[in-house]
Protein backbone atom coordinates (compact mmCIF):
# COMPACT_ATOMS: atom_id res chain seq x y z
CA MET A 1 -32.24 38.74 4.20
CA ALA A 2 -29.86 41.59 3.41
CA ILE A 3 -28.57 39.68 0.38
CA PHE A 4 -32.02 39.64 -1.23
CA HIS A 5 -33.09 43.13 -0.15
CA ASP A 6 -32.78 44.66 -3.62
CA SER A 7 -34.21 41.70 -5.47
CA ILE A 8 -36.98 40.53 -3.14
CA TRP A 9 -39.58 41.51 -5.74
CA GLN A 10 -37.95 39.03 -8.12
CA LEU A 11 -38.40 36.24 -5.58
CA TRP A 12 -42.09 37.06 -5.22
CA PHE A 13 -42.44 37.20 -9.01
CA MET A 14 -40.67 33.86 -9.46
CA MET A 15 -42.93 32.35 -6.81
CA ALA A 16 -45.98 33.62 -8.69
CA CYS A 17 -44.70 32.16 -11.97
CA ILE A 18 -43.89 28.79 -10.39
CA ILE A 19 -47.33 28.60 -8.77
CA ILE A 20 -49.02 29.36 -12.11
CA VAL A 21 -46.98 26.67 -13.87
CA ILE A 22 -47.83 24.14 -11.15
CA GLU A 23 -51.51 25.10 -11.35
CA ILE A 24 -51.72 24.77 -15.11
CA THR A 25 -49.69 21.59 -15.46
CA LEU A 26 -50.54 19.59 -12.35
CA VAL A 27 -53.43 20.73 -10.22
CA ASN A 28 -55.92 22.26 -12.68
CA SER A 29 -58.32 23.42 -9.96
CA TYR A 30 -57.68 27.13 -10.54
CA TYR A 31 -57.51 27.93 -6.82
CA LEU A 32 -53.75 28.35 -6.90
CA ILE A 33 -54.17 31.18 -9.39
CA ALA A 34 -55.48 33.28 -6.49
CA VAL A 35 -52.28 32.52 -4.57
CA ALA A 36 -50.20 33.39 -7.63
CA PHE A 37 -52.13 36.65 -7.92
CA ALA A 38 -51.31 37.38 -4.28
CA ALA A 39 -47.62 36.64 -4.88
CA GLY A 40 -47.71 39.05 -7.82
CA LEU A 41 -49.32 41.65 -5.58
CA ALA A 42 -46.56 41.12 -3.01
CA ALA A 43 -43.99 41.48 -5.80
CA LEU A 44 -45.57 44.78 -6.74
CA THR A 45 -45.36 46.02 -3.16
CA ALA A 46 -41.73 44.86 -2.97
CA TRP A 47 -41.00 46.75 -6.20
CA TYR A 48 -41.98 49.95 -4.39
CA GLU A 49 -39.68 48.96 -1.50
CA VAL A 50 -42.41 48.47 1.08
CA SER A 51 -41.43 46.65 4.29
CA ILE A 52 -41.44 42.85 4.37
CA ASN A 53 -44.35 42.88 6.84
CA MET A 54 -46.48 44.82 4.38
CA GLN A 55 -45.45 42.44 1.59
CA TRP A 56 -46.66 39.49 3.65
CA LEU A 57 -49.84 41.38 4.47
CA ALA A 58 -50.40 42.05 0.76
CA PHE A 59 -49.80 38.35 0.06
CA ILE A 60 -52.26 37.18 2.74
CA VAL A 61 -54.96 39.73 1.91
CA GLY A 62 -54.48 39.08 -1.82
CA SER A 63 -54.83 35.32 -1.29
CA ILE A 64 -58.00 35.66 0.74
CA THR A 65 -59.49 38.20 -1.65
CA GLY A 66 -58.60 36.10 -4.68
CA LEU A 67 -60.05 32.92 -3.19
CA ILE A 68 -63.27 34.65 -2.17
CA GLY A 69 -63.51 36.32 -5.57
CA MET A 70 -62.93 33.10 -7.48
CA HIS A 71 -65.44 31.24 -5.33
CA THR A 72 -68.20 33.82 -5.74
CA LEU A 73 -67.62 34.63 -9.43
CA ARG A 74 -67.49 31.14 -10.88
CA PRO A 75 -70.57 29.89 -12.72
CA PRO A 76 -73.22 27.98 -10.72
CA ALA A 77 -72.66 24.87 -12.84
CA LEU A 78 -69.10 24.62 -11.54
CA LYS A 79 -70.11 25.05 -7.90
CA LYS A 80 -71.64 21.59 -7.72
CA ASP A 81 -69.39 18.63 -7.04
CA LYS A 82 -69.99 16.44 -10.04
CA ASP A 83 -68.77 13.02 -10.92
CA ASP A 84 -68.84 11.53 -14.40
CA ILE A 85 -72.53 10.61 -14.38
CA SER A 86 -74.25 13.08 -12.05
CA HIS A 87 -75.48 15.09 -15.05
CA LEU A 88 -77.63 12.07 -15.95
CA GLU A 89 -79.71 12.25 -12.76
CA GLY A 90 -83.40 12.26 -13.62
CA LYS A 91 -82.76 11.35 -17.29
CA ILE A 92 -83.91 8.19 -19.05
CA VAL A 93 -80.90 6.19 -20.15
CA THR A 94 -80.34 2.83 -21.79
CA ILE A 95 -77.84 0.50 -20.14
CA ILE A 96 -75.73 -0.97 -22.94
CA GLU A 97 -73.18 -2.93 -20.95
CA ASP A 98 -73.10 -4.18 -17.37
CA VAL A 99 -69.65 -3.36 -16.06
CA SER A 100 -68.94 -3.51 -12.34
CA PRO A 101 -69.22 -1.26 -10.39
CA ARG A 102 -70.55 1.53 -12.65
CA GLY A 103 -71.46 0.27 -16.13
CA ARG A 104 -71.99 2.19 -19.37
CA ALA A 105 -75.08 4.12 -20.38
CA ASN A 106 -76.35 5.40 -23.72
CA TYR A 107 -77.89 8.87 -23.54
CA LYS A 108 -79.08 10.69 -26.65
CA SER A 109 -77.17 8.16 -28.75
CA VAL A 110 -73.86 9.16 -27.14
CA SER A 111 -72.25 6.40 -25.14
């Protein structure tokens, strides 16, 4: 680890950037942004030449804090697990085509 001692903050920063790119392009669940935030926090602690144990602690605490914050701050509409048609529960719809297994429905003249 002596080779990377002066540039360890750059490794944390690159990890944060890679995680953000993966989140935006592939996963799209926005939970990895909390991990990227934590990697950025660890990069900040490495910038100030804090020990590697404290960097890992900053990463772990930042991940947990970010995940809890994202879970509690997101809107209530996003907290429910929805499929494509769960928003139609309790609504009157017109079945326009019988397609197995789900079918198509017309709701407020939008199919």
